[in-house]
C-alpha cells in the first residue's frame, strides 16, 4: 500500500514538473519588440 502511494506521489510530482518546464520553454522563445526610443539608446 505504501509503495503504491509513493508511486502515485512520484507520478503527480513528475507531471507538475513537466508542465512547469513546458510553459517555461514556450515563454523562453518569446521576444517582445523593442520600442524605437529604447533602440536608439542602445
PDB file of N, CA and C in Angstrom:
ATOM      1  N   UNK A   1       0.823  -1.197   0.000  1.00  0.00           N
ATOM      2  CA  UNK A   1       0.000   0.000   0.000  1.00  0.00           C
ATOM      3  C   UNK A   1       0.871   1.266   0.000  1.00  0.00           C
ATOM      4  N   UNK A   2       1.870   1.272   0.859  1.00  0.00           N
ATOM      5  CA  UNK A   2       2.733   2.457   0.957  1.00  0.00           C
ATOM      6  C   UNK A   2       3.519   2.670  -0.339  1.00  0.00           C
ATOM      7  N   UNK A   3       3.947   1.562  -0.948  1.00  0.00           N
ATOM      8  CA  UNK A   3       4.706   1.650  -2.206  1.00  0.00           C
ATOM      9  C   UNK A   3       3.834   2.248  -3.319  1.00  0.00           C
ATOM     10  N   UNK A   4       2.568   1.858  -3.374  1.00  0.00           N
ATOM     11  CA  UNK A   4       1.650   2.405  -4.370  1.00  0.00           C
ATOM     12  C   UNK A   4       1.426   3.896  -4.170  1.00  0.00           C
ATOM     13  N   UNK A   5       1.324   4.302  -2.917  1.00  0.00           N
ATOM     14  CA  UNK A   5       1.130   5.712  -2.604  1.00  0.00           C
ATOM     15  C   UNK A   5       2.347   6.528  -3.027  1.00  0.00           C
ATOM     16  N   UNK A   6       3.536   6.014  -2.769  1.00  0.00           N
ATOM     17  CA  UNK A   6       4.757   6.709  -3.174  1.00  0.00           C
ATOM     18  C   UNK A   6       4.859   6.800  -4.698  1.00  0.00           C
ATOM     19  N   UNK A   7       4.472   5.754  -5.392  1.00  0.00           N
ATOM     20  CA  UNK A   7       4.489   5.772  -6.852  1.00  0.00           C
ATOM     21  C   UNK A   7       3.506   6.811  -7.387  1.00  0.00           C
ATOM     22  N   UNK A   8       2.351   6.913  -6.762  1.00  0.00           N
ATOM     23  CA  UNK A   8       1.354   7.898  -7.174  1.00  0.00           C
ATOM     24  C   UNK A   8       1.871   9.316  -6.956  1.00  0.00           C
ATOM     25  N   UNK A   9       2.465   9.561  -5.791  1.00  0.00           N
ATOM     26  CA  UNK A   9       3.015  10.888  -5.496  1.00  0.00           C
ATOM     27  C   UNK A   9       4.131  11.224  -6.477  1.00  0.00           C
ATOM     28  N   UNK A  10       4.993  10.268  -6.771  1.00  0.00           N
ATOM     29  CA  UNK A  10       6.085  10.498  -7.723  1.00  0.00           C
ATOM     30  C   UNK A  10       5.538  10.825  -9.110  1.00  0.00           C
ATOM     31  N   UNK A  11       4.494  10.155  -9.520  1.00  0.00           N
ATOM     32  CA  UNK A  11       3.881  10.430 -10.813  1.00  0.00           C
ATOM     33  C   UNK A  11       3.275  11.822 -10.882  1.00  0.00           C
ATOM     34  N   UNK A  12       2.598  12.226  -9.824  1.00  0.00           N
ATOM     35  CA  UNK A  12       1.982  13.555  -9.790  1.00  0.00           C
ATOM     36  C   UNK A  12       3.062  14.634  -9.809  1.00  0.00           C
ATOM     37  N   UNK A  13       4.107  14.446  -9.020  1.00  0.00           N
ATOM     38  CA  UNK A  13       5.191  15.426  -8.984  1.00  0.00           C
ATOM     39  C   UNK A  13       5.879  15.521 -10.347  1.00  0.00           C
ATOM     40  N   UNK A  14       6.059  14.407 -11.012  1.00  0.00           N
ATOM     41  CA  UNK A  14       6.657  14.407 -12.350  1.00  0.00           C
ATOM     42  C   UNK A  14       5.796  15.171 -13.342  1.00  0.00           C
ATOM     43  N   UNK A  15       4.488  14.969 -13.289  1.00  0.00           N
ATOM     44  CA  UNK A  15       3.583  15.692 -14.195  1.00  0.00           C
ATOM     45  C   UNK A  15       3.619  17.193 -13.937  1.00  0.00           C
ATOM     46  N   UNK A  16       3.672  17.587 -12.673  1.00  0.00           N
ATOM     47  CA  UNK A  16       3.745  19.013 -12.339  1.00  0.00           C
ATOM     48  C   UNK A  16       5.049  19.605 -12.856  1.00  0.00           C
ATOM     49  N   UNK A  17       6.145  18.877 -12.687  1.00  0.00           N
ATOM     50  CA  UNK A  17       7.442  19.363 -13.160  1.00  0.00           C
ATOM     51  C   UNK A  17       7.453  19.492 -14.680  1.00  0.00           C
ATOM     52  N   UNK A  18       6.897  18.525 -15.387  1.00  0.00           N
ATOM     53  CA  UNK A  18       6.869  18.584 -16.850  1.00  0.00           C
ATOM     54  C   UNK A  18       6.008  19.738 -17.333  1.00  0.00           C
ATOM     55  N   UNK A  19       4.928  20.025 -16.647  1.00  0.00           N
ATOM     56  CA  UNK A  19       4.070  21.149 -17.002  1.00  0.00           C
ATOM     57  C   UNK A  19       4.820  22.458 -16.821  1.00  0.00           C
ATOM     58  N   UNK A  20       5.555  22.577 -15.733  1.00  0.00           N
ATOM     59  CA  UNK A  20       6.342  23.783 -15.483  1.00  0.00           C
ATOM     60  C   UNK A  20       7.414  23.990 -16.525  1.00  0.00           C
ATOM     61  N   UNK A  21       8.068  22.934 -16.943  1.00  0.00           N
ATOM     62  CA  UNK A  21       9.129  23.034 -17.941  1.00  0.00           C
ATOM     63  C   UNK A  21       8.558  23.407 -19.301  1.00  0.00           C
ATOM     64  N   UNK A  22       7.441  22.819 -19.667  1.00  0.00           N
ATOM     65  CA  UNK A  22       6.887  23.115 -20.988  1.00  0.00           C
ATOM     66  C   UNK A  22       6.429  24.564 -21.097  1.00  0.00           C
ATOM     67  N   UNK A  23       5.879  25.136 -20.030  1.00  0.00           N
ATOM     68  CA  UNK A  23       5.463  26.536 -20.097  1.00  0.00           C
ATOM     69  C   UNK A  23       6.669  27.459 -20.078  1.00  0.00           C
ATOM     70  N   UNK A  24       7.714  27.075 -19.380  1.00  0.00           N
ATOM     71  CA  UNK A  24       8.929  27.893 -19.366  1.00  0.00           C
ATOM     72  C   UNK A  24       9.566  27.911 -20.750  1.00  0.00           C
ATOM     73  N   UNK A  25       9.553  26.798 -21.431  1.00  0.00           N
ATOM     74  CA  UNK A  25      10.135  26.735 -22.769  1.00  0.00           C
ATOM     75  C   UNK A  25       9.342  27.598 -23.753  1.00  0.00           C
ATOM     76  N   UNK A  26       8.045  27.592 -23.623  1.00  0.00           N
ATOM     77  CA  UNK A  26       7.217  28.395 -24.506  1.00  0.00           C
ATOM     78  C   UNK A  26       7.517  29.881 -24.326  1.00  0.00           C
ATOM     79  N   UNK A  27       7.663  30.319 -23.078  1.00  0.00           N
ATOM     80  CA  UNK A  27       7.948  31.722 -22.819  1.00  0.00           C
ATOM     81  C   UNK A  27       9.386  32.069 -23.144  1.00  0.00           C
ATOM     82  N   UNK A  28      10.287  31.089 -23.132  1.00  0.00           N
ATOM     83  CA  UNK A  28      11.686  31.341 -23.453  1.00  0.00           C
ATOM     84  C   UNK A  28      11.893  31.729 -24.899  1.00  0.00           C
ATOM     85  N   UNK A  29      11.010  31.317 -25.768  1.00  0.00           N
ATOM     86  CA  UNK A  29      11.115  31.619 -27.190  1.00  0.00           C
ATOM     87  C   UNK A  29      10.597  33.018 -27.497  1.00  0.00           C
ATOM     88  N   UNK A  30       9.705  33.527 -26.671  1.00  0.00           N
ATOM     89  CA  UNK A  30       9.046  34.818 -26.904  1.00  0.00           C
ATOM     90  C   UNK A  30      10.022  35.971 -26.700  1.00  0.00           C
ATOM     91  N   UNK A  31      10.151  36.821 -27.706  1.00  0.00           N
ATOM     92  CA  UNK A  31      10.961  38.027 -27.602  1.00  0.00           C
ATOM     93  C   UNK A  31      10.111  39.215 -28.050  1.00  0.00           C
ATOM     94  N   UNK A  32       9.745  40.085 -27.122  1.00  0.00           N
ATOM     95  CA  UNK A  32       8.896  41.219 -27.494  1.00  0.00           C
ATOM     96  C   UNK A  32       9.659  42.228 -28.357  1.00  0.00           C
ATOM     97  N   UNK A  33       8.923  42.995 -29.124  1.00  0.00           N
ATOM     98  CA  UNK A  33       9.508  44.042 -29.964  1.00  0.00           C
ATOM     99  C   UNK A  33      10.038  45.170 -29.073  1.00  0.00           C
ATOM    100  N   UNK A  34      11.247  45.604 -29.337  1.00  0.00           N
ATOM    101  CA  UNK A  34      11.855  46.683 -28.548  1.00  0.00           C
ATOM    102  C   UNK A  34      11.370  48.020 -29.114  1.00  0.00           C
ATOM    103  N   UNK A  35      10.864  48.904 -28.260  1.00  0.00           N
ATOM    104  CA  UNK A  35      10.401  50.206 -28.736  1.00  0.00           C
ATOM    105  C   UNK A  35      11.535  51.010 -29.383  1.00  0.00           C
ATOM    106  N   UNK A  36      11.186  51.830 -30.338  1.00  0.00           N
ATOM    107  CA  UNK A  36      12.166  52.630 -31.083  1.00  0.00           C
ATOM    108  C   UNK A  36      12.987  53.533 -30.164  1.00  0.00           C
ATOM    109  N   UNK A  37      12.350  54.128 -29.152  1.00  0.00           N
ATOM    110  CA  UNK A  37      13.065  55.034 -28.243  1.00  0.00           C
ATOM    111  C   UNK A  37      14.167  54.310 -27.471  1.00  0.00           C
ATOM    112  N   UNK A  38      13.928  53.077 -27.113  1.00  0.00           N
ATOM    113  CA  UNK A  38      14.948  52.319 -26.383  1.00  0.00           C
ATOM    114  C   UNK A  38      16.047  51.859 -27.348  1.00  0.00           C
ATOM    115  N   UNK A  39      15.678  51.479 -28.561  1.00  0.00           N
ATOM    116  CA  UNK A  39      16.672  51.029 -29.539  1.00  0.00           C
ATOM    117  C   UNK A  39      17.696  52.115 -29.836  1.00  0.00           C
ATOM    118  N   UNK A  40      17.271  53.366 -29.857  1.00  0.00           N
ATOM    119  CA  UNK A  40      18.191  54.469 -30.133  1.00  0.00           C
ATOM    120  C   UNK A  40      19.234  54.607 -29.034  1.00  0.00           C
ATOM    121  N   UNK A  41      18.833  54.330 -27.784  1.00  0.00           N
ATOM    122  CA  UNK A  41      19.750  54.445 -26.653  1.00  0.00           C
ATOM    123  C   UNK A  41      20.776  53.326 -26.644  1.00  0.00           C
ATOM    124  N   UNK A  42      20.436  52.178 -27.187  1.00  0.00           N
ATOM    125  CA  UNK A  42      21.350  51.046 -27.185  1.00  0.00           C
ATOM    126  C   UNK A  42      22.382  51.261 -28.269  1.00  0.00           C
TER     127      UNK A  42
END
